[in-house]
Amino acid sequence: MYKKYNDLGALIRDDEDAMEYYWSLPDYVRSQIDQRPYNINSFESLQDYAENLLRGDD
C-alpha cells in the first residue's frame, strides 16, 4: 500500500523522490497541479496527474 499524504505540500516535503519528480515537470504542468493540491495525496497520484497533463503534448 502506498503512503498517503494530506496534500501536495506534505508529499513533496516528506518524499524526496516526489519532490524531484515534481520539480522536473514543465512549468505549465506544475501550475496545473498547484491549482488542485488537495487532489494529490501520493507519489502515484502525482505521477498519474502529471502524465495525464503531459499526454496532450504528444
PDB file of N, CA and C in Angstrom:
ATOM      1  N   MET A   1       0.848  -1.185   0.000  1.00  0.00           N
ATOM      2  CA  MET A   1       0.000   0.000   0.000  1.00  0.00           C
ATOM      3  C   MET A   1       0.891   1.245   0.000  1.00  0.00           C
ATOM      4  N   TYR A   2       0.470   2.247  -0.758  1.00  0.00           N
ATOM      5  CA  TYR A   2       1.233   3.478  -0.882  1.00  0.00           C
ATOM      6  C   TYR A   2       0.956   4.402   0.290  1.00  0.00           C
ATOM      7  N   LYS A   3       1.974   5.171   0.681  1.00  0.00           N
ATOM      8  CA  LYS A   3       1.799   6.136   1.753  1.00  0.00           C
ATOM      9  C   LYS A   3       0.955   7.296   1.239  1.00  0.00           C
ATOM     10  N   LYS A   4      -0.045   7.681   2.035  1.00  0.00           N
ATOM     11  CA  LYS A   4      -0.935   8.788   1.675  1.00  0.00           C
ATOM     12  C   LYS A   4      -0.552  10.021   2.483  1.00  0.00           C
ATOM     13  N   TYR A   5      -0.663  11.168   1.843  1.00  0.00           N
ATOM     14  CA  TYR A   5      -0.365  12.454   2.456  1.00  0.00           C
ATOM     15  C   TYR A   5      -1.616  13.324   2.409  1.00  0.00           C
ATOM     16  N   ASN A   6      -1.631  14.378   3.208  1.00  0.00           N
ATOM     17  CA  ASN A   6      -2.790  15.274   3.231  1.00  0.00           C
ATOM     18  C   ASN A   6      -2.929  16.074   1.945  1.00  0.00           C
ATOM     19  N   ASP A   7      -1.803  16.437   1.352  1.00  0.00           N
ATOM     20  CA  ASP A   7      -1.844  17.253   0.142  1.00  0.00           C
ATOM     21  C   ASP A   7      -0.482  17.235  -0.544  1.00  0.00           C
ATOM     22  N   LEU A   8      -0.387  17.966  -1.641  1.00  0.00           N
ATOM     23  CA  LEU A   8       0.844  18.019  -2.411  1.00  0.00           C
ATOM     24  C   LEU A   8       2.010  18.552  -1.588  1.00  0.00           C
ATOM     25  N   GLY A   9       1.767  19.587  -0.801  1.00  0.00           N
ATOM     26  CA  GLY A   9       2.832  20.174   0.010  1.00  0.00           C
ATOM     27  C   GLY A   9       3.459  19.167   0.956  1.00  0.00           C
ATOM     28  N   ALA A  10       2.620  18.397   1.636  1.00  0.00           N
ATOM     29  CA  ALA A  10       3.122  17.377   2.556  1.00  0.00           C
ATOM     30  C   ALA A  10       3.881  16.294   1.800  1.00  0.00           C
ATOM     31  N   LEU A  11       3.378  15.933   0.628  1.00  0.00           N
ATOM     32  CA  LEU A  11       4.028  14.899  -0.180  1.00  0.00           C
ATOM     33  C   LEU A  11       5.434  15.322  -0.578  1.00  0.00           C
ATOM     34  N   ILE A  12       5.578  16.501  -1.174  1.00  0.00           N
ATOM     35  CA  ILE A  12       6.907  16.883  -1.657  1.00  0.00           C
ATOM     36  C   ILE A  12       7.840  17.291  -0.523  1.00  0.00           C
ATOM     37  N   ARG A  13       7.302  17.632   0.610  1.00  0.00           N
ATOM     38  CA  ARG A  13       8.127  17.941   1.773  1.00  0.00           C
ATOM     39  C   ARG A  13       8.719  16.658   2.383  1.00  0.00           C
ATOM     40  N   ASP A  14       7.928  15.580   2.369  1.00  0.00           N
ATOM     41  CA  ASP A  14       8.327  14.347   3.058  1.00  0.00           C
ATOM     42  C   ASP A  14       8.891  13.258   2.152  1.00  0.00           C
ATOM     43  N   ASP A  15       8.694  13.365   0.843  1.00  0.00           N
ATOM     44  CA  ASP A  15       9.134  12.317  -0.083  1.00  0.00           C
ATOM     45  C   ASP A  15      10.086  12.944  -1.101  1.00  0.00           C
ATOM     46  N   GLU A  16      11.369  12.669  -0.938  1.00  0.00           N
ATOM     47  CA  GLU A  16      12.382  13.279  -1.800  1.00  0.00           C
ATOM     48  C   GLU A  16      12.190  12.917  -3.270  1.00  0.00           C
ATOM     49  N   ASP A  17      11.802  11.673  -3.554  1.00  0.00           N
ATOM     50  CA  ASP A  17      11.566  11.268  -4.943  1.00  0.00           C
ATOM     51  C   ASP A  17      10.420  12.067  -5.559  1.00  0.00           C
ATOM     52  N   ALA A  18       9.365  12.265  -4.791  1.00  0.00           N
ATOM     53  CA  ALA A  18       8.227  13.042  -5.277  1.00  0.00           C
ATOM     54  C   ALA A  18       8.637  14.489  -5.532  1.00  0.00           C
ATOM     55  N   MET A  19       9.445  15.038  -4.648  1.00  0.00           N
ATOM     56  CA  MET A  19       9.906  16.410  -4.810  1.00  0.00           C
ATOM     57  C   MET A  19      10.740  16.543  -6.092  1.00  0.00           C
ATOM     58  N   GLU A  20      11.667  15.630  -6.296  1.00  0.00           N
ATOM     59  CA  GLU A  20      12.495  15.675  -7.502  1.00  0.00           C
ATOM     60  C   GLU A  20      11.648  15.524  -8.758  1.00  0.00           C
ATOM     61  N   TYR A  21      10.675  14.632  -8.723  1.00  0.00           N
ATOM     62  CA  TYR A  21       9.788  14.434  -9.868  1.00  0.00           C
ATOM     63  C   TYR A  21       8.984  15.705 -10.141  1.00  0.00           C
ATOM     64  N   TYR A  22       8.407  16.276  -9.093  1.00  0.00           N
ATOM     65  CA  TYR A  22       7.611  17.500  -9.221  1.00  0.00           C
ATOM     66  C   TYR A  22       8.420  18.616  -9.883  1.00  0.00           C
ATOM     67  N   TRP A  23       9.624  18.844  -9.399  1.00  0.00           N
ATOM     68  CA  TRP A  23      10.450  19.931  -9.938  1.00  0.00           C
ATOM     69  C   TRP A  23      11.008  19.623 -11.322  1.00  0.00           C
ATOM     70  N   SER A  24      10.951  18.371 -11.753  1.00  0.00           N
ATOM     71  CA  SER A  24      11.406  18.025 -13.103  1.00  0.00           C
ATOM     72  C   SER A  24      10.323  18.272 -14.147  1.00  0.00           C
ATOM     73  N   LEU A  25       9.105  18.518 -13.702  1.00  0.00           N
ATOM     74  CA  LEU A  25       7.988  18.720 -14.624  1.00  0.00           C
ATOM     75  C   LEU A  25       8.043  20.113 -15.251  1.00  0.00           C
ATOM     76  N   PRO A  26       7.496  20.242 -16.458  1.00  0.00           N
ATOM     77  CA  PRO A  26       7.432  21.572 -17.078  1.00  0.00           C
ATOM     78  C   PRO A  26       6.609  22.531 -16.222  1.00  0.00           C
ATOM     79  N   ASP A  27       6.903  23.816 -16.345  1.00  0.00           N
ATOM     80  CA  ASP A  27       6.217  24.831 -15.546  1.00  0.00           C
ATOM     81  C   ASP A  27       4.700  24.755 -15.665  1.00  0.00           C
ATOM     82  N   TYR A  28       4.204  24.579 -16.893  1.00  0.00           N
ATOM     83  CA  TYR A  28       2.749  24.588 -17.063  1.00  0.00           C
ATOM     84  C   TYR A  28       2.085  23.396 -16.364  1.00  0.00           C
ATOM     85  N   VAL A  29       2.785  22.266 -16.277  1.00  0.00           N
ATOM     86  CA  VAL A  29       2.238  21.093 -15.587  1.00  0.00           C
ATOM     87  C   VAL A  29       2.216  21.356 -14.080  1.00  0.00           C
ATOM     88  N   ARG A  30       3.312  21.898 -13.548  1.00  0.00           N
ATOM     89  CA  ARG A  30       3.337  22.242 -12.121  1.00  0.00           C
ATOM     90  C   ARG A  30       2.247  23.259 -11.797  1.00  0.00           C
ATOM     91  N   SER A  31       2.030  24.208 -12.677  1.00  0.00           N
ATOM     92  CA  SER A  31       0.993  25.215 -12.454  1.00  0.00           C
ATOM     93  C   SER A  31      -0.384  24.570 -12.355  1.00  0.00           C
ATOM     94  N   GLN A  32      -0.666  23.629 -13.236  1.00  0.00           N
ATOM     95  CA  GLN A  32      -1.950  22.924 -13.196  1.00  0.00           C
ATOM     96  C   GLN A  32      -2.080  22.094 -11.920  1.00  0.00           C
ATOM     97  N   ILE A  33      -1.023  21.413 -11.544  1.00  0.00           N
ATOM     98  CA  ILE A  33      -1.031  20.595 -10.331  1.00  0.00           C
ATOM     99  C   ILE A  33      -1.226  21.482  -9.104  1.00  0.00           C
ATOM    100  N   ASP A  34      -0.573  22.637  -9.097  1.00  0.00           N
ATOM    101  CA  ASP A  34      -0.673  23.557  -7.958  1.00  0.00           C
ATOM    102  C   ASP A  34      -2.089  24.084  -7.748  1.00  0.00           C
ATOM    103  N   GLN A  35      -2.912  24.048  -8.775  1.00  0.00           N
ATOM    104  CA  GLN A  35      -4.292  24.521  -8.648  1.00  0.00           C
ATOM    105  C   GLN A  35      -5.169  23.540  -7.882  1.00  0.00           C
ATOM    106  N   ARG A  36      -4.722  22.304  -7.753  1.00  0.00           N
ATOM    107  CA  ARG A  36      -5.508  21.273  -7.052  1.00  0.00           C
ATOM    108  C   ARG A  36      -4.629  20.462  -6.103  1.00  0.00           C
ATOM    109  N   PRO A  37      -3.976  21.129  -5.161  1.00  0.00           N
ATOM    110  CA  PRO A  37      -3.017  20.419  -4.307  1.00  0.00           C
ATOM    111  C   PRO A  37      -3.643  19.357  -3.413  1.00  0.00           C
ATOM    112  N   TYR A  38      -4.923  19.503  -3.087  1.00  0.00           N
ATOM    113  CA  TYR A  38      -5.552  18.525  -2.189  1.00  0.00           C
ATOM    114  C   TYR A  38      -5.965  17.252  -2.913  1.00  0.00           C
ATOM    115  N   ASN A  39      -5.878  17.247  -4.246  1.00  0.00           N
ATOM    116  CA  ASN A  39      -6.163  16.028  -5.013  1.00  0.00           C
ATOM    117  C   ASN A  39      -4.936  15.120  -5.106  1.00  0.00           C
ATOM    118  N   ILE A  40      -3.782  15.633  -4.718  1.00  0.00           N
ATOM    119  CA  ILE A  40      -2.536  14.871  -4.797  1.00  0.00           C
ATOM    120  C   ILE A  40      -2.179  14.398  -3.395  1.00  0.00           C
ATOM    121  N   ASN A  41      -2.280  13.087  -3.165  1.00  0.00           N
ATOM    122  CA  ASN A  41      -2.020  12.570  -1.820  1.00  0.00           C
ATOM    123  C   ASN A  41      -1.023  11.417  -1.789  1.00  0.00           C
ATOM    124  N   SER A  42      -0.387  11.150  -2.943  1.00  0.00           N
ATOM    125  CA  SER A  42       0.650  10.112  -3.002  1.00  0.00           C
ATOM    126  C   SER A  42       1.536  10.376  -4.218  1.00  0.00           C
ATOM    127  N   PHE A  43       2.713   9.779  -4.213  1.00  0.00           N
ATOM    128  CA  PHE A  43       3.606   9.914  -5.363  1.00  0.00           C
ATOM    129  C   PHE A  43       2.908   9.387  -6.616  1.00  0.00           C
ATOM    130  N   GLU A  44       2.180   8.304  -6.465  1.00  0.00           N
ATOM    131  CA  GLU A  44       1.495   7.700  -7.599  1.00  0.00           C
ATOM    132  C   GLU A  44       0.423   8.633  -8.151  1.00  0.00           C
ATOM    133  N   SER A  45      -0.321   9.321  -7.281  1.00  0.00           N
ATOM    134  CA  SER A  45      -1.343  10.246  -7.782  1.00  0.00           C
ATOM    135  C   SER A  45      -0.694  11.442  -8.462  1.00  0.00           C
ATOM    136  N   LEU A  46       0.469  11.868  -7.975  1.00  0.00           N
ATOM    137  CA  LEU A  46       1.219  12.947  -8.620  1.00  0.00           C
ATOM    138  C   LEU A  46       1.634  12.515 -10.027  1.00  0.00           C
ATOM    139  N   GLN A  47       2.178  11.328 -10.148  1.00  0.00           N
ATOM    140  CA  GLN A  47       2.615  10.820 -11.459  1.00  0.00           C
ATOM    141  C   GLN A  47       1.428  10.672 -12.409  1.00  0.00           C
ATOM    142  N   ASP A  48       0.332  10.121 -11.918  1.00  0.00           N
ATOM    143  CA  ASP A  48      -0.846   9.929 -12.773  1.00  0.00           C
ATOM    144  C   ASP A  48      -1.369  11.258 -13.303  1.00  0.00           C
ATOM    145  N   TYR A  49      -1.472  12.240 -12.408  1.00  0.00           N
ATOM    146  CA  TYR A  49      -1.992  13.546 -12.801  1.00  0.00           C
ATOM    147  C   TYR A  49      -1.049  14.205 -13.812  1.00  0.00           C
ATOM    148  N   ALA A  50       0.243  14.165 -13.546  1.00  0.00           N
ATOM    149  CA  ALA A  50       1.229  14.758 -14.463  1.00  0.00           C
ATOM    150  C   ALA A  50       1.196  14.063 -15.817  1.00  0.00           C
ATOM    151  N   GLU A  51       1.125  12.747 -15.825  1.00  0.00           N
ATOM    152  CA  GLU A  51       1.084  12.014 -17.097  1.00  0.00           C
ATOM    153  C   GLU A  51      -0.154  12.364 -17.907  1.00  0.00           C
ATOM    154  N   ASN A  52      -1.276  12.545 -17.234  1.00  0.00           N
ATOM    155  CA  ASN A  52      -2.490  12.953 -17.940  1.00  0.00           C
ATOM    156  C   ASN A  52      -2.307  14.328 -18.577  1.00  0.00           C
ATOM    157  N   LEU A  53      -1.696  15.242 -17.863  1.00  0.00           N
ATOM    158  CA  LEU A  53      -1.455  16.582 -18.401  1.00  0.00           C
ATOM    159  C   LEU A  53      -0.454  16.546 -19.548  1.00  0.00           C
ATOM    160  N   LEU A  54       0.555  15.700 -19.425  1.00  0.00           N
ATOM    161  CA  LEU A  54       1.597  15.609 -20.451  1.00  0.00           C
ATOM    162  C   LEU A  54       1.115  14.888 -21.708  1.00  0.00           C
ATOM    163  N   ARG A  55       0.092  14.075 -21.576  1.00  0.00           N
ATOM    164  CA  ARG A  55      -0.427  13.314 -22.712  1.00  0.00           C
ATOM    165  C   ARG A  55      -0.836  14.232 -23.863  1.00  0.00           C
ATOM    166  N   GLY A  56      -1.261  15.428 -23.553  1.00  0.00           N
ATOM    167  CA  GLY A  56      -1.651  16.383 -24.582  1.00  0.00           C
ATOM    168  C   GLY A  56      -0.482  16.915 -25.376  1.00  0.00           C
ATOM    169  N   ASP A  57       0.752  16.654 -24.916  1.00  0.00           N
ATOM    170  CA  ASP A  57       1.959  17.135 -25.605  1.00  0.00           C
ATOM    171  C   ASP A  57       2.366  16.237 -26.765  1.00  0.00           C
ATOM    172  N   ASP A  58       1.789  15.058 -26.872  1.00  0.00           N
ATOM    173  CA  ASP A  58       2.179  14.102 -27.927  1.00  0.00           C
ATOM    174  C   ASP A  58       1.793  14.580 -29.294  1.00  0.00           C
TER     175      ASP A  58
END
